[in-house]
Amino acid sequence: MHPIDRYETIRRGHEELLRRAEYERMARKAKIAQGMNRNIHKAANWLGIHLVGWGEKLEKFGAIAKRQPAPTTTTRVRVSRLFKMSPHH
């Protein structure tokens, strides 16, 4: 083998190694991006599930609050006294 042929073989081998390294970098980058997307989707899914749950609890609380008066810190007035004070009676 002549020195010129050996140089050409080494150069082609080096180019092939560079192509493989670039391919590996791209594959690693894609895998990392895919993992990040998966984590974002998991977080969004978790948040959505919890927001729906919290919304349902708030709706139940609102329905209960409509049926029962909210507790107050003021003194209660007797019902018979309210009728006397009401302008409708």
PDB file of N, CA and C in Angstrom:
ATOM      1  N   MET A   1       0.834  -1.169   0.000  1.00  0.00           N
ATOM      2  CA  MET A   1       0.000   0.000   0.000  1.00  0.00           C
ATOM      3  C   MET A   1       0.886   1.243   0.000  1.00  0.00           C
ATOM      4  N   HIS A   2       0.559   2.188  -0.849  1.00  0.00           N
ATOM      5  CA  HIS A   2       1.326   3.414  -0.947  1.00  0.00           C
ATOM      6  C   HIS A   2       0.850   4.407   0.113  1.00  0.00           C
ATOM      7  N   PRO A   3       1.692   5.331   0.508  1.00  0.00           N
ATOM      8  CA  PRO A   3       1.305   6.314   1.528  1.00  0.00           C
ATOM      9  C   PRO A   3       0.101   7.148   1.131  1.00  0.00           C
ATOM     10  N   ILE A   4      -0.054   7.434  -0.158  1.00  0.00           N
ATOM     11  CA  ILE A   4      -1.190   8.248  -0.601  1.00  0.00           C
ATOM     12  C   ILE A   4      -2.481   7.466  -0.399  1.00  0.00           C
ATOM     13  N   ASP A   5      -2.480   6.177  -0.709  1.00  0.00           N
ATOM     14  CA  ASP A   5      -3.669   5.349  -0.531  1.00  0.00           C
ATOM     15  C   ASP A   5      -4.043   5.240   0.949  1.00  0.00           C
ATOM     16  N   ARG A   6      -3.049   5.117   1.781  1.00  0.00           N
ATOM     17  CA  ARG A   6      -3.288   5.004   3.208  1.00  0.00           C
ATOM     18  C   ARG A   6      -3.922   6.295   3.739  1.00  0.00           C
ATOM     19  N   TYR A   7      -3.456   7.432   3.261  1.00  0.00           N
ATOM     20  CA  TYR A   7      -4.013   8.716   3.680  1.00  0.00           C
ATOM     21  C   TYR A   7      -5.494   8.804   3.299  1.00  0.00           C
ATOM     22  N   GLU A   8      -5.805   8.383   2.072  1.00  0.00           N
ATOM     23  CA  GLU A   8      -7.203   8.428   1.599  1.00  0.00           C
ATOM     24  C   GLU A   8      -8.079   7.497   2.443  1.00  0.00           C
ATOM     25  N   THR A   9      -7.583   6.340   2.791  1.00  0.00           N
ATOM     26  CA  THR A   9      -8.332   5.395   3.624  1.00  0.00           C
ATOM     27  C   THR A   9      -8.565   5.972   5.019  1.00  0.00           C
ATOM     28  N   ILE A  10      -7.534   6.572   5.580  1.00  0.00           N
ATOM     29  CA  ILE A  10      -7.655   7.181   6.903  1.00  0.00           C
ATOM     30  C   ILE A  10      -8.665   8.332   6.862  1.00  0.00           C
ATOM     31  N   ARG A  11      -8.593   9.146   5.789  1.00  0.00           N
ATOM     32  CA  ARG A  11      -9.518  10.274   5.664  1.00  0.00           C
ATOM     33  C   ARG A  11     -10.964   9.788   5.568  1.00  0.00           C
ATOM     34  N   ARG A  12     -11.222   8.764   4.770  1.00  0.00           N
ATOM     35  CA  ARG A  12     -12.579   8.228   4.642  1.00  0.00           C
ATOM     36  C   ARG A  12     -13.058   7.623   5.968  1.00  0.00           C
ATOM     37  N   GLY A  13     -12.168   6.955   6.661  1.00  0.00           N
ATOM     38  CA  GLY A  13     -12.521   6.399   7.975  1.00  0.00           C
ATOM     39  C   GLY A  13     -12.864   7.500   8.963  1.00  0.00           C
ATOM     40  N   HIS A  14     -12.075   8.568   8.920  1.00  0.00           N
ATOM     41  CA  HIS A  14     -12.329   9.706   9.806  1.00  0.00           C
ATOM     42  C   HIS A  14     -13.683  10.351   9.489  1.00  0.00           C
ATOM     43  N   GLU A  15     -13.987  10.517   8.201  1.00  0.00           N
ATOM     44  CA  GLU A  15     -15.275  11.080   7.803  1.00  0.00           C
ATOM     45  C   GLU A  15     -16.439  10.206   8.266  1.00  0.00           C
ATOM     46  N   GLU A  16     -16.258   8.907   8.157  1.00  0.00           N
ATOM     47  CA  GLU A  16     -17.295   7.972   8.611  1.00  0.00           C
ATOM     48  C   GLU A  16     -17.500   8.086  10.124  1.00  0.00           C
ATOM     49  N   LEU A  17     -16.407   8.192  10.869  1.00  0.00           N
ATOM     50  CA  LEU A  17     -16.524   8.365  12.318  1.00  0.00           C
ATOM     51  C   LEU A  17     -17.233   9.678  12.667  1.00  0.00           C
ATOM     52  N   LEU A  18     -16.934  10.738  11.925  1.00  0.00           N
ATOM     53  CA  LEU A  18     -17.615  12.018  12.165  1.00  0.00           C
ATOM     54  C   LEU A  18     -19.109  11.905  11.869  1.00  0.00           C
ATOM     55  N   ARG A  19     -19.467  11.205  10.782  1.00  0.00           N
ATOM     56  CA  ARG A  19     -20.890  11.014  10.455  1.00  0.00           C
ATOM     57  C   ARG A  19     -21.593  10.226  11.557  1.00  0.00           C
ATOM     58  N   ARG A  20     -20.951   9.172  12.028  1.00  0.00           N
ATOM     59  CA  ARG A  20     -21.550   8.366  13.102  1.00  0.00           C
ATOM     60  C   ARG A  20     -21.720   9.182  14.383  1.00  0.00           C
ATOM     61  N   ALA A  21     -20.694   9.975  14.712  1.00  0.00           N
ATOM     62  CA  ALA A  21     -20.771  10.803  15.919  1.00  0.00           C
ATOM     63  C   ALA A  21     -21.902  11.824  15.800  1.00  0.00           C
ATOM     64  N   GLU A  22     -22.052  12.425  14.622  1.00  0.00           N
ATOM     65  CA  GLU A  22     -23.141  13.387  14.407  1.00  0.00           C
ATOM     66  C   GLU A  22     -24.500  12.698  14.536  1.00  0.00           C
ATOM     67  N   TYR A  23     -24.613  11.501  13.983  1.00  0.00           N
ATOM     68  CA  TYR A  23     -25.854  10.742  14.093  1.00  0.00           C
ATOM     69  C   TYR A  23     -26.170  10.437  15.557  1.00  0.00           C
ATOM     70  N   GLU A  24     -25.159  10.029  16.318  1.00  0.00           N
ATOM     71  CA  GLU A  24     -25.359   9.733  17.742  1.00  0.00           C
ATOM     72  C   GLU A  24     -25.795  10.988  18.509  1.00  0.00           C
ATOM     73  N   ARG A  25     -25.185  12.127  18.199  1.00  0.00           N
ATOM     74  CA  ARG A  25     -25.577  13.389  18.852  1.00  0.00           C
ATOM     75  C   ARG A  25     -27.029  13.732  18.546  1.00  0.00           C
ATOM     76  N   MET A  26     -27.406  13.588  17.284  1.00  0.00           N
ATOM     77  CA  MET A  26     -28.786  13.892  16.893  1.00  0.00           C
ATOM     78  C   MET A  26     -29.771  12.936  17.571  1.00  0.00           C
ATOM     79  N   ALA A  27     -29.423  11.654  17.635  1.00  0.00           N
ATOM     80  CA  ALA A  27     -30.294  10.674  18.275  1.00  0.00           C
ATOM     81  C   ALA A  27     -30.435  10.970  19.768  1.00  0.00           C
ATOM     82  N   ARG A  28     -29.316  11.324  20.429  1.00  0.00           N
ATOM     83  CA  ARG A  28     -29.354  11.650  21.859  1.00  0.00           C
ATOM     84  C   ARG A  28     -30.200  12.898  22.106  1.00  0.00           C
ATOM     85  N   LYS A  29     -30.047  13.906  21.237  1.00  0.00           N
ATOM     86  CA  LYS A  29     -30.805  15.149  21.362  1.00  0.00           C
ATOM     87  C   LYS A  29     -32.307  14.880  21.181  1.00  0.00           C
ATOM     88  N   ALA A  30     -32.653  14.042  20.219  1.00  0.00           N
ATOM     89  CA  ALA A  30     -34.060  13.703  19.983  1.00  0.00           C
ATOM     90  C   ALA A  30     -34.642  12.941  21.169  1.00  0.00           C
ATOM     91  N   LYS A  31     -33.845  12.052  21.744  1.00  0.00           N
ATOM     92  CA  LYS A  31     -34.312  11.271  22.891  1.00  0.00           C
ATOM     93  C   LYS A  31     -34.557  12.183  24.092  1.00  0.00           C
ATOM     94  N   ILE A  32     -33.675  13.141  24.321  1.00  0.00           N
ATOM     95  CA  ILE A  32     -33.847  14.095  25.426  1.00  0.00           C
ATOM     96  C   ILE A  32     -35.089  14.941  25.200  1.00  0.00           C
ATOM     97  N   ALA A  33     -35.274  15.421  23.961  1.00  0.00           N
ATOM     98  CA  ALA A  33     -36.449  16.240  23.645  1.00  0.00           C
ATOM     99  C   ALA A  33     -37.729  15.435  23.829  1.00  0.00           C
ATOM    100  N   GLN A  34     -37.700  14.170  23.431  1.00  0.00           N
ATOM    101  CA  GLN A  34     -38.872  13.316  23.588  1.00  0.00           C
ATOM    102  C   GLN A  34     -39.183  13.110  25.070  1.00  0.00           C
ATOM    103  N   GLY A  35     -38.160  12.925  25.880  1.00  0.00           N
ATOM    104  CA  GLY A  35     -38.367  12.766  27.322  1.00  0.00           C
ATOM    105  C   GLY A  35     -38.937  14.024  27.950  1.00  0.00           C
ATOM    106  N   MET A  36     -38.457  15.182  27.488  1.00  0.00           N
ATOM    107  CA  MET A  36     -38.985  16.446  28.014  1.00  0.00           C
ATOM    108  C   MET A  36     -40.447  16.609  27.628  1.00  0.00           C
ATOM    109  N   ASN A  37     -40.797  16.269  26.388  1.00  0.00           N
ATOM    110  CA  ASN A  37     -42.198  16.347  25.961  1.00  0.00           C
ATOM    111  C   ASN A  37     -43.067  15.425  26.792  1.00  0.00           C
ATOM    112  N   ARG A  38     -42.558  14.244  27.091  1.00  0.00           N
ATOM    113  CA  ARG A  38     -43.316  13.292  27.899  1.00  0.00           C
ATOM    114  C   ARG A  38     -43.542  13.863  29.295  1.00  0.00           C
ATOM    115  N   ASN A  39     -42.510  14.491  29.870  1.00  0.00           N
ATOM    116  CA  ASN A  39     -42.655  15.081  31.197  1.00  0.00           C
ATOM    117  C   ASN A  39     -43.649  16.234  31.186  1.00  0.00           C
ATOM    118  N   ILE A  40     -43.616  17.043  30.129  1.00  0.00           N
ATOM    119  CA  ILE A  40     -44.562  18.154  30.024  1.00  0.00           C
ATOM    120  C   ILE A  40     -45.981  17.616  29.923  1.00  0.00           C
ATOM    121  N   HIS A  41     -46.182  16.569  29.134  1.00  0.00           N
ATOM    122  CA  HIS A  41     -47.514  15.991  29.001  1.00  0.00           C
ATOM    123  C   HIS A  41     -47.981  15.375  30.309  1.00  0.00           C
ATOM    124  N   LYS A  42     -47.079  14.730  31.039  1.00  0.00           N
ATOM    125  CA  LYS A  42     -47.449  14.161  32.338  1.00  0.00           C
ATOM    126  C   LYS A  42     -47.867  15.260  33.300  1.00  0.00           C
ATOM    127  N   ALA A  43     -47.101  16.355  33.337  1.00  0.00           N
ATOM    128  CA  ALA A  43     -47.421  17.465  34.235  1.00  0.00           C
ATOM    129  C   ALA A  43     -48.751  18.110  33.853  1.00  0.00           C
ATOM    130  N   ALA A  44     -48.984  18.291  32.559  1.00  0.00           N
ATOM    131  CA  ALA A  44     -50.246  18.886  32.109  1.00  0.00           C
ATOM    132  C   ALA A  44     -51.416  17.968  32.442  1.00  0.00           C
ATOM    133  N   ASN A  45     -51.230  16.678  32.285  1.00  0.00           N
ATOM    134  CA  ASN A  45     -52.277  15.713  32.616  1.00  0.00           C
ATOM    135  C   ASN A  45     -52.587  15.760  34.112  1.00  0.00           C
ATOM    136  N   TRP A  46     -51.555  15.758  34.946  1.00  0.00           N
ATOM    137  CA  TRP A  46     -51.750  15.825  36.396  1.00  0.00           C
ATOM    138  C   TRP A  46     -52.494  17.100  36.774  1.00  0.00           C
ATOM    139  N   LEU A  47     -52.064  18.218  36.206  1.00  0.00           N
ATOM    140  CA  LEU A  47     -52.701  19.495  36.515  1.00  0.00           C
ATOM    141  C   LEU A  47     -54.170  19.485  36.079  1.00  0.00           C
ATOM    142  N   GLY A  48     -54.452  18.975  34.895  1.00  0.00           N
ATOM    143  CA  GLY A  48     -55.822  18.915  34.407  1.00  0.00           C
ATOM    144  C   GLY A  48     -56.714  18.076  35.302  1.00  0.00           C
ATOM    145  N   ILE A  49     -56.223  16.914  35.710  1.00  0.00           N
ATOM    146  CA  ILE A  49     -57.005  16.038  36.594  1.00  0.00           C
ATOM    147  C   ILE A  49     -57.312  16.745  37.899  1.00  0.00           C
ATOM    148  N   HIS A  50     -56.320  17.397  38.487  1.00  0.00           N
ATOM    149  CA  HIS A  50     -56.529  18.070  39.768  1.00  0.00           C
ATOM    150  C   HIS A  50     -57.421  19.306  39.640  1.00  0.00           C
ATOM    151  N   LEU A  51     -57.297  20.036  38.540  1.00  0.00           N
ATOM    152  CA  LEU A  51     -58.166  21.199  38.345  1.00  0.00           C
ATOM    153  C   LEU A  51     -59.626  20.771  38.218  1.00  0.00           C
ATOM    154  N   VAL A  52     -59.860  19.681  37.511  1.00  0.00           N
ATOM    155  CA  VAL A  52     -61.231  19.178  37.392  1.00  0.00           C
ATOM    156  C   VAL A  52     -61.752  18.746  38.761  1.00  0.00           C
ATOM    157  N   GLY A  53     -60.920  18.058  39.524  1.00  0.00           N
ATOM    158  CA  GLY A  53     -61.326  17.634  40.868  1.00  0.00           C
ATOM    159  C   GLY A  53     -61.633  18.825  41.765  1.00  0.00           C
ATOM    160  N   TRP A  54     -60.780  19.824  41.712  1.00  0.00           N
ATOM    161  CA  TRP A  54     -61.016  21.016  42.534  1.00  0.00           C
ATOM    162  C   TRP A  54     -62.283  21.742  42.088  1.00  0.00           C
ATOM    163  N   GLY A  55     -62.522  21.784  40.778  1.00  0.00           N
ATOM    164  CA  GLY A  55     -63.734  22.412  40.258  1.00  0.00           C
ATOM    165  C   GLY A  55     -64.987  21.694  40.738  1.00  0.00           C
ATOM    166  N   GLU A  56     -64.945  20.352  40.731  1.00  0.00           N
ATOM    167  CA  GLU A  56     -66.089  19.583  41.224  1.00  0.00           C
ATOM    168  C   GLU A  56     -66.339  19.867  42.696  1.00  0.00           C
ATOM    169  N   LYS A  57     -65.279  19.943  43.476  1.00  0.00           N
ATOM    170  CA  LYS A  57     -65.444  20.238  44.909  1.00  0.00           C
ATOM    171  C   LYS A  57     -66.019  21.636  45.109  1.00  0.00           C
ATOM    172  N   LEU A  58     -65.563  22.601  44.308  1.00  0.00           N
ATOM    173  CA  LEU A  58     -66.102  23.954  44.418  1.00  0.00           C
ATOM    174  C   LEU A  58     -67.577  23.993  44.032  1.00  0.00           C
ATOM    175  N   GLU A  59     -67.955  23.232  43.008  1.00  0.00           N
ATOM    176  CA  GLU A  59     -69.359  23.178  42.619  1.00  0.00           C
ATOM    177  C   GLU A  59     -70.206  22.581  43.737  1.00  0.00           C
ATOM    178  N   LYS A  60     -69.702  21.509  44.364  1.00  0.00           N
ATOM    179  CA  LYS A  60     -70.435  20.916  45.486  1.00  0.00           C
ATOM    180  C   LYS A  60     -70.543  21.910  46.631  1.00  0.00           C
ATOM    181  N   PHE A  61     -69.464  22.607  46.925  1.00  0.00           N
ATOM    182  CA  PHE A  61     -69.478  23.593  48.000  1.00  0.00           C
ATOM    183  C   PHE A  61     -70.483  24.691  47.687  1.00  0.00           C
ATOM    184  N   GLY A  62     -70.547  25.129  46.430  1.00  0.00           N
ATOM    185  CA  GLY A  62     -71.502  26.156  46.032  1.00  0.00           C
ATOM    186  C   GLY A  62     -72.931  25.679  46.176  1.00  0.00           C
ATOM    187  N   ALA A  63     -73.187  24.411  45.838  1.00  0.00           N
ATOM    188  CA  ALA A  63     -74.534  23.855  45.968  1.00  0.00           C
ATOM    189  C   ALA A  63     -74.919  23.753  47.435  1.00  0.00           C
ATOM    190  N   ILE A  64     -73.998  23.375  48.294  1.00  0.00           N
ATOM    191  CA  ILE A  64     -74.274  23.277  49.730  1.00  0.00           C
ATOM    192  C   ILE A  64     -74.493  24.666  50.304  1.00  0.00           C
ATOM    193  N   ALA A  65     -73.690  25.622  49.877  1.00  0.00           N
ATOM    194  CA  ALA A  65     -73.808  26.988  50.400  1.00  0.00           C
ATOM    195  C   ALA A  65     -75.163  27.594  50.021  1.00  0.00           C
ATOM    196  N   LYS A  66     -75.724  27.208  48.867  1.00  0.00           N
ATOM    197  CA  LYS A  66     -77.024  27.731  48.459  1.00  0.00           C
ATOM    198  C   LYS A  66     -78.143  27.155  49.334  1.00  0.00           C
ATOM    199  N   ARG A  67     -77.973  25.920  49.788  1.00  0.00           N
ATOM    200  CA  ARG A  67     -79.007  25.281  50.608  1.00  0.00           C
ATOM    201  C   ARG A  67     -78.921  25.694  52.068  1.00  0.00           C
ATOM    202  N   GLN A  68     -77.728  25.900  52.572  1.00  0.00           N
ATOM    203  CA  GLN A  68     -77.541  26.226  53.980  1.00  0.00           C
ATOM    204  C   GLN A  68     -76.928  27.614  54.091  1.00  0.00           C
ATOM    205  N   PRO A  69     -77.419  28.416  55.021  1.00  0.00           N
ATOM    206  CA  PRO A  69     -76.804  29.729  55.184  1.00  0.00           C
ATOM    207  C   PRO A  69     -75.381  29.604  55.722  1.00  0.00           C
ATOM    208  N   ALA A  70     -74.566  30.503  55.309  1.00  0.00           N
ATOM    209  CA  ALA A  70     -73.177  30.500  55.781  1.00  0.00           C
ATOM    210  C   ALA A  70     -73.151  30.900  57.247  1.00  0.00           C
ATOM    211  N   PRO A  71     -72.289  30.290  58.032  1.00  0.00           N
ATOM    212  CA  PRO A  71     -72.210  30.680  59.444  1.00  0.00           C
ATOM    213  C   PRO A  71     -71.717  32.123  59.566  1.00  0.00           C
ATOM    214  N   THR A  72     -72.296  32.843  60.494  1.00  0.00           N
ATOM    215  CA  THR A  72     -71.906  34.239  60.699  1.00  0.00           C
ATOM    216  C   THR A  72     -71.382  34.425  62.105  1.00  0.00           C
ATOM    217  N   THR A  73     -70.709  35.515  62.292  1.00  0.00           N
ATOM    218  CA  THR A  73     -70.196  35.812  63.626  1.00  0.00           C
ATOM    219  C   THR A  73     -71.104  36.801  64.360  1.00  0.00           C
ATOM    220  N   THR A  74     -72.152  37.266  63.680  1.00  0.00           N
ATOM    221  CA  THR A  74     -73.069  38.213  64.324  1.00  0.00           C
ATOM    222  C   THR A  74     -74.084  37.456  65.162  1.00  0.00           C
ATOM    223  N   THR A  75     -74.766  38.170  66.051  1.00  0.00           N
ATOM    224  CA  THR A  75     -75.799  37.530  66.875  1.00  0.00           C
ATOM    225  C   THR A  75     -77.036  37.297  66.014  1.00  0.00           C
ATOM    226  N   ARG A  76     -77.684  36.215  66.276  1.00  0.00           N
ATOM    227  CA  ARG A  76     -78.853  35.856  65.491  1.00  0.00           C
ATOM    228  C   ARG A  76     -80.092  36.563  66.036  1.00  0.00           C
ATOM    229  N   VAL A  77     -80.944  36.972  65.111  1.00  0.00           N
ATOM    230  CA  VAL A  77     -82.198  37.619  65.467  1.00  0.00           C
ATOM    231  C   VAL A  77     -83.306  36.586  65.341  1.00  0.00           C
ATOM    232  N   ARG A  78     -84.238  36.580  66.284  1.00  0.00           N
ATOM    233  CA  ARG A  78     -85.333  35.614  66.226  1.00  0.00           C
ATOM    234  C   ARG A  78     -86.176  35.839  64.973  1.00  0.00           C
ATOM    235  N   VAL A  79     -86.743  34.774  64.464  1.00  0.00           N
ATOM    236  CA  VAL A  79     -87.529  34.830  63.237  1.00  0.00           C
ATOM    237  C   VAL A  79     -88.759  35.712  63.440  1.00  0.00           C
ATOM    238  N   SER A  80     -89.427  35.636  64.584  1.00  0.00           N
ATOM    239  CA  SER A  80     -90.633  36.438  64.810  1.00  0.00           C
ATOM    240  C   SER A  80     -90.296  37.925  64.759  1.00  0.00           C
ATOM    241  N   ARG A  81     -89.139  38.265  65.189  1.00  0.00           N
ATOM    242  CA  ARG A  81     -88.717  39.658  65.159  1.00  0.00           C
ATOM    243  C   ARG A  81     -88.440  40.128  63.728  1.00  0.00           C
ATOM    244  N   LEU A  82     -87.931  39.225  62.884  1.00  0.00           N
ATOM    245  CA  LEU A  82     -87.675  39.558  61.489  1.00  0.00           C
ATOM    246  C   LEU A  82     -88.975  39.880  60.760  1.00  0.00           C
ATOM    247  N   PHE A  83     -90.045  39.132  61.056  1.00  0.00           N
ATOM    248  CA  PHE A  83     -91.311  39.385  60.398  1.00  0.00           C
ATOM    249  C   PHE A  83     -91.822  40.770  60.724  1.00  0.00           C
ATOM    250  N   LYS A  84     -91.609  41.230  61.943  1.00  0.00           N
ATOM    251  CA  LYS A  84     -92.073  42.548  62.350  1.00  0.00           C
ATOM    252  C   LYS A  84     -91.274  43.649  61.634  1.00  0.00           C
ATOM    253  N   MET A  85     -90.001  43.362  61.363  1.00  0.00           N
ATOM    254  CA  MET A  85     -89.128  44.369  60.756  1.00  0.00           C
ATOM    255  C   MET A  85     -89.235  44.362  59.235  1.00  0.00           C
ATOM    256  N   SER A  86     -89.759  43.313  58.657  1.00  0.00           N
ATOM    257  CA  SER A  86     -89.799  43.197  57.203  1.00  0.00           C
ATOM    258  C   SER A  86     -90.802  44.170  56.614  1.00  0.00           C
ATOM    259  N   PRO A  87     -90.474  44.879  55.548  1.00  0.00           N
ATOM    260  CA  PRO A  87     -91.413  45.809  54.945  1.00  0.00           C
ATOM    261  C   PRO A  87     -92.531  45.098  54.159  1.00  0.00           C
ATOM    262  N   HIS A  88     -92.380  43.802  53.916  1.00  0.00           N
ATOM    263  CA  HIS A  88     -93.378  43.062  53.143  1.00  0.00           C
ATOM    264  C   HIS A  88     -94.542  42.618  53.993  1.00  0.00           C
ATOM    265  N   HIS A  89     -94.471  42.733  55.316  1.00  0.00           N
ATOM    266  CA  HIS A  89     -95.548  42.239  56.191  1.00  0.00           C
ATOM    267  C   HIS A  89     -96.216  43.373  56.904  1.00  0.00           C
TER     268      HIS A  89
END
